[in-house]
Amino acid sequence: MIGKLFSGLLIAFVRLYQAVLSPYFPNACRYTPTCSQYMIEAIREWGFWKGASLGFKRIASCHPWGGSGYDPVPRRCNCEKPEH
């Protein structure tokens, strides 16, 4: 319950950033999807703690000496364990 509240708040904050601040900065994101979209997708896929961790890790690597290119959010494996 608390995790969903925090997730919603962080996603709202990112959406606010996308709508209000992002248009005033040059388009310099090195990754696809953008870091802000990655944060939203990561939170939706993994929940607040793990998703925020993945998102902030991505933001920290978005610099001239970091990576670039297509970098999707890792997906949860809904695989069933085989029985012996």
N, C-alpha and C. Protein backbone atom coordinates (compact mmCIF):
# COMPACT_ATOMS: atom_id res chain seq x y z
N MET A 1 0.82 -1.19 0.00
CA MET A 1 0.00 0.00 0.00
C MET A 1 0.88 1.27 0.00
N ILE A 2 1.84 1.32 0.91
CA ILE A 2 2.74 2.47 0.98
C ILE A 2 3.59 2.54 -0.29
N GLY A 3 4.03 1.38 -0.77
CA GLY A 3 4.84 1.33 -1.99
C GLY A 3 4.08 1.91 -3.18
N LYS A 4 2.78 1.61 -3.28
CA LYS A 4 1.98 2.15 -4.38
C LYS A 4 1.84 3.66 -4.26
N LEU A 5 1.72 4.16 -3.04
CA LEU A 5 1.64 5.60 -2.82
C LEU A 5 2.94 6.28 -3.26
N PHE A 6 4.07 5.73 -2.81
CA PHE A 6 5.37 6.29 -3.18
C PHE A 6 5.59 6.19 -4.70
N SER A 7 5.19 5.06 -5.28
CA SER A 7 5.33 4.88 -6.73
C SER A 7 4.54 5.96 -7.47
N GLY A 8 3.29 6.16 -7.05
CA GLY A 8 2.45 7.17 -7.69
C GLY A 8 3.03 8.57 -7.56
N LEU A 9 3.57 8.88 -6.38
CA LEU A 9 4.16 10.20 -6.17
C LEU A 9 5.40 10.41 -7.03
N LEU A 10 6.26 9.39 -7.11
CA LEU A 10 7.48 9.53 -7.91
C LEU A 10 7.13 9.62 -9.40
N ILE A 11 6.18 8.83 -9.86
CA ILE A 11 5.75 8.92 -11.26
C ILE A 11 5.16 10.30 -11.54
N ALA A 12 4.36 10.83 -10.62
CA ALA A 12 3.79 12.17 -10.79
C ALA A 12 4.90 13.22 -10.85
N PHE A 13 5.92 13.07 -10.02
CA PHE A 13 7.04 14.00 -10.03
C PHE A 13 7.77 13.95 -11.37
N VAL A 14 7.99 12.74 -11.89
CA VAL A 14 8.68 12.59 -13.19
C VAL A 14 7.82 13.19 -14.30
N ARG A 15 6.51 12.95 -14.27
CA ARG A 15 5.61 13.52 -15.28
C ARG A 15 5.63 15.06 -15.21
N LEU A 16 5.67 15.60 -14.00
CA LEU A 16 5.75 17.05 -13.82
C LEU A 16 7.06 17.57 -14.43
N TYR A 17 8.15 16.87 -14.17
CA TYR A 17 9.44 17.24 -14.77
C TYR A 17 9.33 17.22 -16.29
N GLN A 18 8.72 16.16 -16.85
CA GLN A 18 8.60 16.04 -18.31
C GLN A 18 7.78 17.19 -18.90
N ALA A 19 6.75 17.62 -18.19
CA ALA A 19 5.86 18.66 -18.71
C ALA A 19 6.39 20.07 -18.49
N VAL A 20 7.05 20.31 -17.35
CA VAL A 20 7.41 21.67 -16.97
C VAL A 20 8.88 22.01 -17.26
N LEU A 21 9.79 21.16 -16.86
CA LEU A 21 11.22 21.49 -16.98
C LEU A 21 11.88 20.96 -18.24
N SER A 22 11.59 19.75 -18.61
CA SER A 22 12.26 19.10 -19.74
C SER A 22 12.20 19.91 -21.04
N PRO A 23 11.08 20.57 -21.36
CA PRO A 23 11.05 21.33 -22.62
C PRO A 23 12.08 22.46 -22.69
N TYR A 24 12.60 22.90 -21.55
CA TYR A 24 13.55 24.00 -21.53
C TYR A 24 15.01 23.55 -21.61
N PHE A 25 15.24 22.26 -21.57
CA PHE A 25 16.59 21.71 -21.69
C PHE A 25 16.79 21.16 -23.10
N PRO A 26 18.02 21.23 -23.61
CA PRO A 26 18.26 20.64 -24.94
C PRO A 26 18.07 19.12 -24.89
N ASN A 27 17.64 18.54 -25.99
CA ASN A 27 17.44 17.09 -26.06
C ASN A 27 18.81 16.42 -26.09
N ALA A 28 19.28 16.01 -24.92
CA ALA A 28 20.64 15.47 -24.83
C ALA A 28 20.66 14.05 -24.26
N CYS A 29 19.51 13.40 -24.17
CA CYS A 29 19.48 12.06 -23.60
C CYS A 29 20.24 11.10 -24.52
N ARG A 30 21.09 10.29 -23.92
CA ARG A 30 21.93 9.36 -24.67
C ARG A 30 21.26 8.00 -24.88
N TYR A 31 20.16 7.79 -24.20
CA TYR A 31 19.51 6.48 -24.23
C TYR A 31 18.11 6.54 -24.84
N THR A 32 17.66 5.39 -25.26
CA THR A 32 16.27 5.17 -25.65
C THR A 32 15.78 3.98 -24.84
N PRO A 33 14.70 4.08 -24.10
CA PRO A 33 13.88 5.25 -23.84
C PRO A 33 14.64 6.28 -22.99
N THR A 34 14.11 7.50 -22.96
CA THR A 34 14.76 8.56 -22.18
C THR A 34 14.83 8.15 -20.72
N CYS A 35 15.68 8.80 -19.97
CA CYS A 35 15.85 8.46 -18.57
C CYS A 35 14.57 8.64 -17.77
N SER A 36 13.81 9.69 -18.06
CA SER A 36 12.56 9.90 -17.32
C SER A 36 11.53 8.82 -17.67
N GLN A 37 11.44 8.44 -18.95
CA GLN A 37 10.51 7.38 -19.33
C GLN A 37 10.97 6.05 -18.75
N TYR A 38 12.27 5.83 -18.72
CA TYR A 38 12.83 4.61 -18.13
C TYR A 38 12.43 4.52 -16.65
N MET A 39 12.52 5.64 -15.93
CA MET A 39 12.16 5.65 -14.51
C MET A 39 10.71 5.23 -14.32
N ILE A 40 9.81 5.77 -15.13
CA ILE A 40 8.38 5.43 -15.03
C ILE A 40 8.17 3.95 -15.33
N GLU A 41 8.76 3.46 -16.40
CA GLU A 41 8.61 2.05 -16.77
C GLU A 41 9.19 1.12 -15.70
N ALA A 42 10.32 1.49 -15.14
CA ALA A 42 10.96 0.66 -14.11
C ALA A 42 10.10 0.58 -12.86
N ILE A 43 9.51 1.70 -12.46
CA ILE A 43 8.64 1.70 -11.27
C ILE A 43 7.41 0.85 -11.53
N ARG A 44 6.83 0.96 -12.72
CA ARG A 44 5.65 0.15 -13.04
C ARG A 44 5.98 -1.34 -13.10
N GLU A 45 7.15 -1.67 -13.58
CA GLU A 45 7.54 -3.08 -13.71
C GLU A 45 7.98 -3.68 -12.38
N TRP A 46 8.76 -2.94 -11.60
CA TRP A 46 9.41 -3.50 -10.42
C TRP A 46 8.91 -2.97 -9.08
N GLY A 47 8.05 -1.95 -9.10
CA GLY A 47 7.62 -1.36 -7.84
C GLY A 47 8.55 -0.21 -7.45
N PHE A 48 8.22 0.44 -6.35
CA PHE A 48 8.93 1.66 -5.97
C PHE A 48 10.41 1.45 -5.72
N TRP A 49 10.80 0.56 -4.82
CA TRP A 49 12.20 0.46 -4.39
C TRP A 49 13.12 0.01 -5.50
N LYS A 50 12.83 -1.11 -6.11
CA LYS A 50 13.68 -1.64 -7.18
C LYS A 50 13.60 -0.74 -8.42
N GLY A 51 12.40 -0.27 -8.76
CA GLY A 51 12.23 0.59 -9.93
C GLY A 51 12.97 1.91 -9.79
N ALA A 52 12.86 2.53 -8.61
CA ALA A 52 13.57 3.79 -8.38
C ALA A 52 15.08 3.56 -8.42
N SER A 53 15.51 2.44 -7.87
CA SER A 53 16.94 2.11 -7.89
C SER A 53 17.44 1.97 -9.33
N LEU A 54 16.70 1.25 -10.16
CA LEU A 54 17.07 1.11 -11.57
C LEU A 54 17.06 2.46 -12.28
N GLY A 55 16.05 3.27 -12.00
CA GLY A 55 15.94 4.58 -12.64
C GLY A 55 17.09 5.51 -12.26
N PHE A 56 17.41 5.57 -10.97
CA PHE A 56 18.50 6.44 -10.55
C PHE A 56 19.86 5.93 -11.04
N LYS A 57 20.00 4.61 -11.13
CA LYS A 57 21.23 4.06 -11.69
C LYS A 57 21.39 4.47 -13.15
N ARG A 58 20.29 4.46 -13.89
CA ARG A 58 20.31 4.87 -15.30
C ARG A 58 20.67 6.34 -15.43
N ILE A 59 20.04 7.18 -14.59
CA ILE A 59 20.33 8.62 -14.63
C ILE A 59 21.80 8.88 -14.31
N ALA A 60 22.35 8.14 -13.37
CA ALA A 60 23.75 8.31 -13.00
C ALA A 60 24.70 7.93 -14.14
N SER A 61 24.26 7.03 -15.03
CA SER A 61 25.14 6.62 -16.14
C SER A 61 24.95 7.48 -17.38
N CYS A 62 24.04 8.44 -17.32
CA CYS A 62 23.76 9.29 -18.49
C CYS A 62 24.66 10.52 -18.45
N HIS A 63 25.88 10.34 -18.92
CA HIS A 63 26.86 11.41 -18.99
C HIS A 63 27.76 11.13 -20.19
N PRO A 64 28.58 12.07 -20.59
CA PRO A 64 29.38 11.88 -21.81
C PRO A 64 30.26 10.63 -21.82
N TRP A 65 30.68 10.14 -20.68
CA TRP A 65 31.55 8.95 -20.64
C TRP A 65 30.76 7.69 -20.31
N GLY A 66 29.44 7.82 -20.21
CA GLY A 66 28.60 6.67 -19.91
C GLY A 66 28.16 5.96 -21.17
N GLY A 67 27.19 5.11 -21.02
CA GLY A 67 26.69 4.35 -22.17
C GLY A 67 25.73 5.16 -23.01
N SER A 68 25.19 4.51 -24.03
CA SER A 68 24.20 5.15 -24.89
C SER A 68 23.51 4.06 -25.70
N GLY A 69 22.44 4.44 -26.39
CA GLY A 69 21.72 3.50 -27.25
C GLY A 69 20.46 2.97 -26.61
N TYR A 70 19.97 1.87 -27.17
CA TYR A 70 18.73 1.26 -26.68
C TYR A 70 19.01 0.49 -25.40
N ASP A 71 18.30 0.85 -24.34
CA ASP A 71 18.49 0.23 -23.03
C ASP A 71 17.14 0.10 -22.35
N PRO A 72 16.40 -0.97 -22.64
CA PRO A 72 15.07 -1.13 -22.05
C PRO A 72 15.14 -1.54 -20.58
N VAL A 73 14.04 -1.35 -19.89
CA VAL A 73 13.91 -1.79 -18.50
C VAL A 73 13.93 -3.31 -18.49
N PRO A 74 14.74 -3.92 -17.61
CA PRO A 74 14.70 -5.39 -17.53
C PRO A 74 13.32 -5.85 -17.07
N ARG A 75 12.83 -6.90 -17.66
CA ARG A 75 11.50 -7.42 -17.34
C ARG A 75 11.60 -8.51 -16.28
N ARG A 76 10.55 -8.61 -15.50
CA ARG A 76 10.47 -9.70 -14.52
C ARG A 76 10.25 -11.00 -15.29
N CYS A 77 10.85 -12.03 -14.82
CA CYS A 77 10.63 -13.34 -15.42
C CYS A 77 9.44 -13.99 -14.73
N ASN A 78 8.39 -14.24 -15.47
CA ASN A 78 7.22 -14.92 -14.92
C ASN A 78 7.29 -16.40 -15.21
N CYS A 79 8.52 -16.90 -15.26
CA CYS A 79 8.75 -18.29 -15.60
C CYS A 79 8.36 -19.18 -14.42
N GLU A 80 7.77 -20.29 -14.74
CA GLU A 80 7.49 -21.27 -13.69
C GLU A 80 8.68 -22.20 -13.59
N LYS A 81 9.00 -22.58 -12.38
CA LYS A 81 10.13 -23.50 -12.19
C LYS A 81 9.69 -24.91 -12.60
N PRO A 82 10.53 -25.57 -13.36
CA PRO A 82 10.18 -26.94 -13.77
C PRO A 82 10.22 -27.89 -12.57
N GLU A 83 9.29 -28.82 -12.59
CA GLU A 83 9.27 -29.82 -11.51
C GLU A 83 10.17 -30.98 -11.88
N HIS A 84 10.78 -31.56 -10.89
CA HIS A 84 11.68 -32.69 -11.12
C HIS A 84 10.91 -33.98 -11.12
